[in-house]
Amino acid sequence: MTALSVNVNKIATLRNARGGNVPDLIQCSLDIERFGAQGITIHPRPDERHIKYQDARDLKKVIQTELNIEGNPNEKFIALVDEVQPAQVTLVPDAVDAITSNAGWDTIKHEAYLTKIVKHFKDQGIRTSIFVDPTPQMVEGAAKTGVDRIELYTEAYAHGYPTNKEAAVAPYIIAAKKAIELGLGINAGHDLSLENMRYFKDQVPGLLEVSIGHALISESLYMGLENVVNMYKARLTD
């Protein structure tokens, strides 16, 4: 079974647009868990433009499933993860001014740096994952760092799915098989949606977890959070 971790950044964006606490990020996260999600993902940026660092602290106190904190491991991020102790940390090479994540790590170029960061978190018992593009070389580089899992960056798949889904998913199948060969767990995320999720799950072997935020929250505007969470779960378990 593939676990669903819901990224709640967009709920935080909506809250921050007016100040105050509407919608209530913590209550929404608890509701998402109650509706059946197996995890909550947050991606705090240094400027706290959506998820605030205090949100991470508050969520840790109440989340009953798994809290996944993702982001670029700068000093501030590392200190937050050290303090909060989430179930999983996902290392993402996003620039400070990036609207959203737009590339995986060059795990060959940054092998020494990533190895140091991975060891730092694993020594504390935190499961670590590295965000990578779907190429065997990047998967191999990730394995050399000692990481537990990779998260496959799925924007290219989502972009190609409407016109040629077989070609769009092909690199991910190859990358996943390489990860399995190397003993790595496999997560995936970015632009996965109700439209393209089932095919990806059916085609990519060893998929342990997907992290979905923008599409899920957007779809929920029309169909409601509870309905949409359960629609994703159906696509991940059927």
C-alpha atoms as a PDB file:
ATOM      1  CA  MET A   1       0.000   0.000   0.000  1.00  0.00           C
ATOM      2  CA  THR A   2       1.184   3.510  -0.850  1.00  0.00           C
ATOM      3  CA  ALA A   3       0.774   6.029   1.961  1.00  0.00           C
ATOM      4  CA  LEU A   4      -0.752   9.455   1.394  1.00  0.00           C
ATOM      5  CA  SER A   5       0.971  12.409   3.058  1.00  0.00           C
ATOM      6  CA  VAL A   6      -0.910  15.656   2.537  1.00  0.00           C
ATOM      7  CA  ASN A   7       1.130  18.831   2.112  1.00  0.00           C
ATOM      8  CA  VAL A   8      -0.720  21.615   3.938  1.00  0.00           C
ATOM      9  CA  ASN A   9       1.349  24.561   2.673  1.00  0.00           C
ATOM     10  CA  LYS A  10      -1.564  25.940   0.653  1.00  0.00           C
ATOM     11  CA  ILE A  11      -3.786  26.000   3.738  1.00  0.00           C
ATOM     12  CA  ALA A  12      -1.100  28.086   5.438  1.00  0.00           C
ATOM     13  CA  THR A  13      -0.936  30.383   2.398  1.00  0.00           C
ATOM     14  CA  LEU A  14      -4.671  31.041   2.635  1.00  0.00           C
ATOM     15  CA  ARG A  15      -4.441  31.675   6.375  1.00  0.00           C
ATOM     16  CA  ASN A  16      -1.548  34.098   5.996  1.00  0.00           C
ATOM     17  CA  ALA A  17      -3.349  36.072   3.284  1.00  0.00           C
ATOM     18  CA  ARG A  18      -5.580  37.662   5.937  1.00  0.00           C
ATOM     19  CA  GLY A  19      -3.549  37.221   9.103  1.00  0.00           C
ATOM     20  CA  GLY A  20      -5.212  35.618  12.073  1.00  0.00           C
ATOM     21  CA  ASN A  21      -5.944  31.918  12.142  1.00  0.00           C
ATOM     22  CA  VAL A  22      -8.579  31.242   9.482  1.00  0.00           C
ATOM     23  CA  PRO A  23      -8.373  28.596   8.200  1.00  0.00           C
ATOM     24  CA  ASP A  24      -6.899  26.900  11.259  1.00  0.00           C
ATOM     25  CA  LEU A  25      -3.893  24.964   9.941  1.00  0.00           C
ATOM     26  CA  ILE A  26      -3.663  22.686  12.956  1.00  0.00           C
ATOM     27  CA  GLN A  27      -7.357  21.773  12.913  1.00  0.00           C
ATOM     28  CA  CYS A  28      -7.273  21.215   9.143  1.00  0.00           C
ATOM     29  CA  SER A  29      -4.294  18.892   9.562  1.00  0.00           C
ATOM     30  CA  LEU A  30      -6.068  16.937  12.282  1.00  0.00           C
ATOM     31  CA  ASP A  31      -9.144  16.670  10.073  1.00  0.00           C
ATOM     32  CA  ILE A  32      -7.031  15.442   7.158  1.00  0.00           C
ATOM     33  CA  GLU A  33      -5.650  12.724   9.427  1.00  0.00           C
ATOM     34  CA  ARG A  34      -9.187  11.867  10.567  1.00  0.00           C
ATOM     35  CA  PHE A  35     -10.291  11.601   6.948  1.00  0.00           C
ATOM     36  CA  GLY A  36      -7.649   8.905   6.429  1.00  0.00           C
ATOM     37  CA  ALA A  37      -4.352  10.467   5.350  1.00  0.00           C
ATOM     38  CA  GLN A  38      -1.320   8.625   6.681  1.00  0.00           C
ATOM     39  CA  GLY A  39       0.840  11.714   7.101  1.00  0.00           C
ATOM     40  CA  ILE A  40       1.143  15.495   7.028  1.00  0.00           C
ATOM     41  CA  THR A  41       3.881  17.234   5.030  1.00  0.00           C
ATOM     42  CA  ILE A  42       5.083  20.798   5.524  1.00  0.00           C
ATOM     43  CA  HIS A  43       7.707  22.746   3.601  1.00  0.00           C
ATOM     44  CA  PRO A  44       8.726  25.857   5.559  1.00  0.00           C
ATOM     45  CA  ARG A  45      10.715  28.493   3.676  1.00  0.00           C
ATOM     46  CA  PRO A  46      13.160  30.853   5.404  1.00  0.00           C
ATOM     47  CA  ASP A  47      10.758  33.799   4.976  1.00  0.00           C
ATOM     48  CA  GLU A  48       7.861  31.756   6.461  1.00  0.00           C
ATOM     49  CA  ARG A  49       5.573  32.961   3.682  1.00  0.00           C
ATOM     50  CA  HIS A  50       3.224  30.019   4.188  1.00  0.00           C
ATOM     51  CA  ILE A  51       4.259  27.459   6.802  1.00  0.00           C
ATOM     52  CA  LYS A  52       5.623  29.212   9.859  1.00  0.00           C
ATOM     53  CA  TYR A  53       8.301  27.558  11.959  1.00  0.00           C
ATOM     54  CA  GLN A  54       5.900  27.620  14.900  1.00  0.00           C
ATOM     55  CA  ASP A  55       3.469  25.555  12.808  1.00  0.00           C
ATOM     56  CA  ALA A  56       6.028  22.751  12.767  1.00  0.00           C
ATOM     57  CA  ARG A  57       6.313  22.862  16.536  1.00  0.00           C
ATOM     58  CA  ASP A  58       2.543  22.933  17.005  1.00  0.00           C
ATOM     59  CA  LEU A  59       1.891  20.113  14.533  1.00  0.00           C
ATOM     60  CA  LYS A  60       4.454  17.852  16.173  1.00  0.00           C
ATOM     61  CA  LYS A  61       2.477  18.024  19.427  1.00  0.00           C
ATOM     62  CA  VAL A  62      -0.759  16.737  17.890  1.00  0.00           C
ATOM     63  CA  ILE A  63      -0.053  14.707  14.742  1.00  0.00           C
ATOM     64  CA  GLN A  64      -0.804  11.030  15.330  1.00  0.00           C
ATOM     65  CA  THR A  65       0.427   9.700  11.971  1.00  0.00           C
ATOM     66  CA  GLU A  66       3.714  10.921  10.447  1.00  0.00           C
ATOM     67  CA  LEU A  67       5.041  14.445  10.181  1.00  0.00           C
ATOM     68  CA  ASN A  68       7.312  15.014   7.183  1.00  0.00           C
ATOM     69  CA  ILE A  69       9.286  18.267   7.085  1.00  0.00           C
ATOM     70  CA  GLU A  70      10.848  19.082   3.733  1.00  0.00           C
ATOM     71  CA  GLY A  71      13.154  21.859   2.683  1.00  0.00           C
ATOM     72  CA  ASN A  72      16.659  23.043   1.888  1.00  0.00           C
ATOM     73  CA  PRO A  73      18.892  22.105   4.833  1.00  0.00           C
ATOM     74  CA  ASN A  74      20.241  25.531   5.718  1.00  0.00           C
ATOM     75  CA  GLU A  75      21.155  26.250   9.335  1.00  0.00           C
ATOM     76  CA  LYS A  76      17.691  27.475  10.276  1.00  0.00           C
ATOM     77  CA  PHE A  77      16.020  24.426   8.736  1.00  0.00           C
ATOM     78  CA  ILE A  78      18.412  21.996  10.416  1.00  0.00           C
ATOM     79  CA  ALA A  79      17.803  23.637  13.794  1.00  0.00           C
ATOM     80  CA  LEU A  80      14.042  23.335  13.311  1.00  0.00           C
ATOM     81  CA  VAL A  81      14.208  19.645  12.412  1.00  0.00           C
ATOM     82  CA  ASP A  82      16.555  18.980  15.340  1.00  0.00           C
ATOM     83  CA  GLU A  83      14.032  20.611  17.656  1.00  0.00           C
ATOM     84  CA  VAL A  84      10.823  19.130  16.244  1.00  0.00           C
ATOM     85  CA  GLN A  85      12.066  15.588  15.529  1.00  0.00           C
ATOM     86  CA  PRO A  86       9.627  14.662  12.739  1.00  0.00           C
ATOM     87  CA  ALA A  87       9.200  11.097  11.519  1.00  0.00           C
ATOM     88  CA  GLN A  88      10.801  12.045   8.201  1.00  0.00           C
ATOM     89  CA  VAL A  89      12.878  14.864   6.770  1.00  0.00           C
ATOM     90  CA  THR A  90      13.025  15.370   3.001  1.00  0.00           C
ATOM     91  CA  LEU A  91      15.969  17.334   1.636  1.00  0.00           C
ATOM     92  CA  VAL A  92      14.976  19.625  -1.242  1.00  0.00           C
ATOM     93  CA  PRO A  93      17.390  21.973  -3.076  1.00  0.00           C
ATOM     94  CA  ASP A  94      14.957  24.860  -3.502  1.00  0.00           C
ATOM     95  CA  ALA A  95      16.305  28.373  -3.796  1.00  0.00           C
ATOM     96  CA  VAL A  96      15.231  30.985  -1.247  1.00  0.00           C
ATOM     97  CA  ASP A  97      13.120  32.803  -3.851  1.00  0.00           C
ATOM     98  CA  ALA A  98      11.626  29.707  -5.505  1.00  0.00           C
ATOM     99  CA  ILE A  99       7.827  29.714  -5.749  1.00  0.00           C
ATOM    100  CA  THR A 100       7.879  25.945  -5.480  1.00  0.00           C
ATOM    101  CA  SER A 101      10.415  23.140  -5.803  1.00  0.00           C
ATOM    102  CA  ASN A 102      11.681  22.961  -9.375  1.00  0.00           C
ATOM    103  CA  ALA A 103      14.533  20.427  -9.480  1.00  0.00           C
ATOM    104  CA  GLY A 104      15.992  17.467  -7.687  1.00  0.00           C
ATOM    105  CA  TRP A 105      19.451  17.346  -6.117  1.00  0.00           C
ATOM    106  CA  ASP A 106      22.568  16.749  -8.154  1.00  0.00           C
ATOM    107  CA  THR A 107      23.532  13.940  -5.816  1.00  0.00           C
ATOM    108  CA  ILE A 108      26.877  13.426  -7.530  1.00  0.00           C
ATOM    109  CA  LYS A 109      28.050  17.030  -7.246  1.00  0.00           C
ATOM    110  CA  HIS A 110      26.725  17.383  -3.685  1.00  0.00           C
ATOM    111  CA  GLU A 111      27.502  13.892  -2.406  1.00  0.00           C
ATOM    112  CA  ALA A 112      29.794  14.979   0.433  1.00  0.00           C
ATOM    113  CA  TYR A 113      27.411  17.711   1.614  1.00  0.00           C
ATOM    114  CA  LEU A 114      24.365  15.447   1.506  1.00  0.00           C
ATOM    115  CA  THR A 115      26.207  12.627   3.239  1.00  0.00           C
ATOM    116  CA  LYS A 116      26.981  14.945   6.164  1.00  0.00           C
ATOM    117  CA  ILE A 117      23.376  16.170   6.424  1.00  0.00           C
ATOM    118  CA  VAL A 118      21.895  12.682   6.102  1.00  0.00           C
ATOM    119  CA  LYS A 119      24.148  11.363   8.862  1.00  0.00           C
ATOM    120  CA  HIS A 120      23.208  14.283  11.103  1.00  0.00           C
ATOM    121  CA  PHE A 121      19.506  13.445  10.893  1.00  0.00           C
ATOM    122  CA  LYS A 122      19.835   9.665  10.853  1.00  0.00           C
ATOM    123  CA  ASP A 123      21.946   9.775  14.008  1.00  0.00           C
ATOM    124  CA  GLN A 124      18.828  11.188  15.685  1.00  0.00           C
ATOM    125  CA  GLY A 125      16.617   8.405  14.339  1.00  0.00           C
ATOM    126  CA  ILE A 126      14.892  10.612  11.755  1.00  0.00           C
ATOM    127  CA  ARG A 127      14.120   8.868   8.462  1.00  0.00           C
ATOM    128  CA  THR A 128      15.755  10.820   5.651  1.00  0.00           C
ATOM    129  CA  SER A 129      14.770  11.250   2.022  1.00  0.00           C
ATOM    130  CA  ILE A 130      16.426  13.121  -0.850  1.00  0.00           C
ATOM    131  CA  PHE A 131      14.407  14.820  -3.604  1.00  0.00           C
ATOM    132  CA  VAL A 132      15.765  13.616  -6.969  1.00  0.00           C
ATOM    133  CA  ASP A 133      15.037  13.734 -10.669  1.00  0.00           C
ATOM    134  CA  PRO A 134      14.143  10.331 -12.174  1.00  0.00           C
ATOM    135  CA  THR A 135      17.553   9.308 -13.481  1.00  0.00           C
ATOM    136  CA  PRO A 136      19.543   6.235 -12.404  1.00  0.00           C
ATOM    137  CA  GLN A 137      22.679   8.327 -11.860  1.00  0.00           C
ATOM    138  CA  MET A 138      20.943  10.613  -9.357  1.00  0.00           C
ATOM    139  CA  VAL A 139      19.447   7.600  -7.582  1.00  0.00           C
ATOM    140  CA  GLU A 140      22.886   5.977  -7.358  1.00  0.00           C
ATOM    141  CA  GLY A 141      24.330   9.210  -5.995  1.00  0.00           C
ATOM    142  CA  ALA A 142      21.608   9.365  -3.363  1.00  0.00           C
ATOM    143  CA  ALA A 143      22.325   5.808  -2.263  1.00  0.00           C
ATOM    144  CA  LYS A 144      25.963   6.713  -1.639  1.00  0.00           C
ATOM    145  CA  THR A 145      24.920   9.311   0.954  1.00  0.00           C
ATOM    146  CA  GLY A 146      23.394   6.660   3.202  1.00  0.00           C
ATOM    147  CA  VAL A 147      19.862   8.061   2.840  1.00  0.00           C
ATOM    148  CA  ASP A 148      16.816   5.907   3.638  1.00  0.00           C
ATOM    149  CA  ARG A 149      14.599   6.980   0.754  1.00  0.00           C
ATOM    150  CA  ILE A 150      14.411   9.097  -2.360  1.00  0.00           C
ATOM    151  CA  GLU A 151      11.494  11.268  -3.372  1.00  0.00           C
ATOM    152  CA  LEU A 152      11.006  11.233  -7.129  1.00  0.00           C
ATOM    153  CA  TYR A 153      10.262  14.707  -8.523  1.00  0.00           C
ATOM    154  CA  THR A 154       7.133  14.115 -10.596  1.00  0.00           C
ATOM    155  CA  GLU A 155       6.517  17.433 -12.385  1.00  0.00           C
ATOM    156  CA  ALA A 156       7.775  16.012 -15.700  1.00  0.00           C
ATOM    157  CA  TYR A 157       5.424  13.057 -15.354  1.00  0.00           C
ATOM    158  CA  ALA A 158       2.440  15.293 -14.637  1.00  0.00           C
ATOM    159  CA  HIS A 159       3.309  17.536 -17.594  1.00  0.00           C
ATOM    160  CA  GLY A 160       3.620  14.622 -20.011  1.00  0.00           C
ATOM    161  CA  TYR A 161       0.709  12.523 -18.752  1.00  0.00           C
ATOM    162  CA  PRO A 162      -2.106  14.137 -20.813  1.00  0.00           C
ATOM    163  CA  THR A 163      -0.394  13.507 -24.150  1.00  0.00           C
ATOM    164  CA  ASN A 164       1.689  10.341 -23.649  1.00  0.00           C
ATOM    165  CA  LYS A 165       1.403   8.751 -20.244  1.00  0.00           C
ATOM    166  CA  GLU A 166       3.553   5.742 -21.157  1.00  0.00           C
ATOM    167  CA  ALA A 167       6.496   7.920 -22.158  1.00  0.00           C
ATOM    168  CA  ALA A 168       5.928  10.226 -19.186  1.00  0.00           C
ATOM    169  CA  VAL A 169       6.145   7.443 -16.613  1.00  0.00           C
ATOM    170  CA  ALA A 170       8.968   5.466 -18.256  1.00  0.00           C
ATOM    171  CA  PRO A 171      11.890   7.304 -16.553  1.00  0.00           C
ATOM    172  CA  TYR A 172      10.228   6.848 -13.172  1.00  0.00           C
ATOM    173  CA  ILE A 173       9.943   3.100 -13.633  1.00  0.00           C
ATOM    174  CA  ILE A 174      13.655   2.907 -14.450  1.00  0.00           C
ATOM    175  CA  ALA A 175      14.603   5.111 -11.501  1.00  0.00           C
ATOM    176  CA  ALA A 176      12.393   3.133  -9.118  1.00  0.00           C
ATOM    177  CA  LYS A 177      13.901  -0.172 -10.208  1.00  0.00           C
ATOM    178  CA  LYS A 178      17.371   1.251  -9.591  1.00  0.00           C
ATOM    179  CA  ALA A 179      16.300   2.438  -6.136  1.00  0.00           C
ATOM    180  CA  ILE A 180      14.940  -1.009  -5.268  1.00  0.00           C
ATOM    181  CA  GLU A 181      18.191  -2.569  -6.477  1.00  0.00           C
ATOM    182  CA  LEU A 182      20.124  -0.253  -4.155  1.00  0.00           C
ATOM    183  CA  GLY A 183      17.872  -0.827  -1.164  1.00  0.00           C
ATOM    184  CA  LEU A 184      16.268   2.620  -1.138  1.00  0.00           C
ATOM    185  CA  GLY A 185      12.658   3.337  -0.250  1.00  0.00           C
ATOM    186  CA  ILE A 186      10.670   5.319  -2.816  1.00  0.00           C
ATOM    187  CA  ASN A 187       8.502   8.385  -2.253  1.00  0.00           C
ATOM    188  CA  ALA A 188       7.139  10.695  -4.936  1.00  0.00           C
ATOM    189  CA  GLY A 189       5.646  14.138  -5.205  1.00  0.00           C
ATOM    190  CA  HIS A 190       4.985  17.326  -7.172  1.00  0.00           C
ATOM    191  CA  ASP A 191       1.947  17.952  -9.378  1.00  0.00           C
ATOM    192  CA  LEU A 192       0.412  14.546  -8.741  1.00  0.00           C
ATOM    193  CA  SER A 193      -3.373  14.791  -8.921  1.00  0.00           C
ATOM    194  CA  LEU A 194      -6.586  12.783  -8.964  1.00  0.00           C
ATOM    195  CA  GLU A 195      -6.233  12.613 -12.739  1.00  0.00           C
ATOM    196  CA  ASN A 196      -2.730  11.133 -12.925  1.00  0.00           C
ATOM    197  CA  MET A 197      -2.186   9.466  -9.529  1.00  0.00           C
ATOM    198  CA  ARG A 198      -3.587   5.989 -10.155  1.00  0.00           C
ATOM    199  CA  TYR A 199      -1.572   5.343 -13.318  1.00  0.00           C
ATOM    200  CA  PHE A 200       1.646   6.458 -11.635  1.00  0.00           C
ATOM    201  CA  LYS A 201       1.036   4.189  -8.652  1.00  0.00           C
ATOM    202  CA  ASP A 202       0.187   1.225 -10.885  1.00  0.00           C
ATOM    203  CA  GLN A 203       3.283   1.627 -13.041  1.00  0.00           C
ATOM    204  CA  VAL A 204       6.035   2.588 -10.571  1.00  0.00           C
ATOM    205  CA  PRO A 205       7.228  -0.334  -8.434  1.00  0.00           C
ATOM    206  CA  GLY A 206       7.958  -0.034  -4.734  1.00  0.00           C
ATOM    207  CA  LEU A 207       6.130   3.255  -4.196  1.00  0.00           C
ATOM    208  CA  LEU A 208       5.895   3.761  -0.421  1.00  0.00           C
ATOM    209  CA  GLU A 209       4.523   7.289  -0.107  1.00  0.00           C
ATOM    210  CA  VAL A 210       3.243  10.225  -2.126  1.00  0.00           C
ATOM    211  CA  SER A 211       3.213  13.808  -0.893  1.00  0.00           C
ATOM    212  CA  ILE A 212       0.416  15.839  -2.462  1.00  0.00           C
ATOM    213  CA  GLY A 213      -0.529  19.410  -1.706  1.00  0.00           C
ATOM    214  CA  HIS A 214      -1.454  21.923  -4.406  1.00  0.00           C
ATOM    215  CA  ALA A 215      -3.709  19.665  -6.466  1.00  0.00           C
ATOM    216  CA  LEU A 216      -5.367  18.067  -3.452  1.00  0.00           C
ATOM    217  CA  ILE A 217      -6.204  21.381  -1.793  1.00  0.00           C
ATOM    218  CA  SER A 218      -7.392  22.848  -5.112  1.00  0.00           C
ATOM    219  CA  GLU A 219      -9.600  19.835  -5.832  1.00  0.00           C
ATOM    220  CA  SER A 220     -10.995  20.116  -2.315  1.00  0.00           C
ATOM    221  CA  LEU A 221     -12.386  23.566  -3.122  1.00  0.00           C
ATOM    222  CA  TYR A 222     -14.862  21.793  -5.398  1.00  0.00           C
ATOM    223  CA  MET A 223     -15.365  18.451  -3.668  1.00  0.00           C
ATOM    224  CA  GLY A 224     -14.383  18.920  -0.028  1.00  0.00           C
ATOM    225  CA  LEU A 225     -11.338  17.730   1.901  1.00  0.00           C
ATOM    226  CA  GLU A 226     -12.882  14.530   3.215  1.00  0.00           C
ATOM    227  CA  ASN A 227     -14.076  13.419  -0.217  1.00  0.00           C
ATOM    228  CA  VAL A 228     -10.791  14.233  -1.913  1.00  0.00           C
ATOM    229  CA  VAL A 229      -8.587  12.558   0.720  1.00  0.00           C
ATOM    230  CA  ASN A 230     -10.624   9.389   0.317  1.00  0.00           C
ATOM    231  CA  MET A 231     -10.515   9.632  -3.486  1.00  0.00           C
ATOM    232  CA  TYR A 232      -6.713   9.718  -3.324  1.00  0.00           C
ATOM    233  CA  LYS A 233      -6.661   6.786  -0.913  1.00  0.00           C
ATOM    234  CA  ALA A 234      -8.812   4.789  -3.343  1.00  0.00           C
ATOM    235  CA  ARG A 235      -6.395   5.493  -6.178  1.00  0.00           C
ATOM    236  CA  LEU A 236      -3.480   4.409  -3.986  1.00  0.00           C
ATOM    237  CA  THR A 237      -5.033   1.174  -2.730  1.00  0.00           C
ATOM    238  CA  ASP A 238      -7.225  -0.193  -5.553  1.00  0.00           C
END
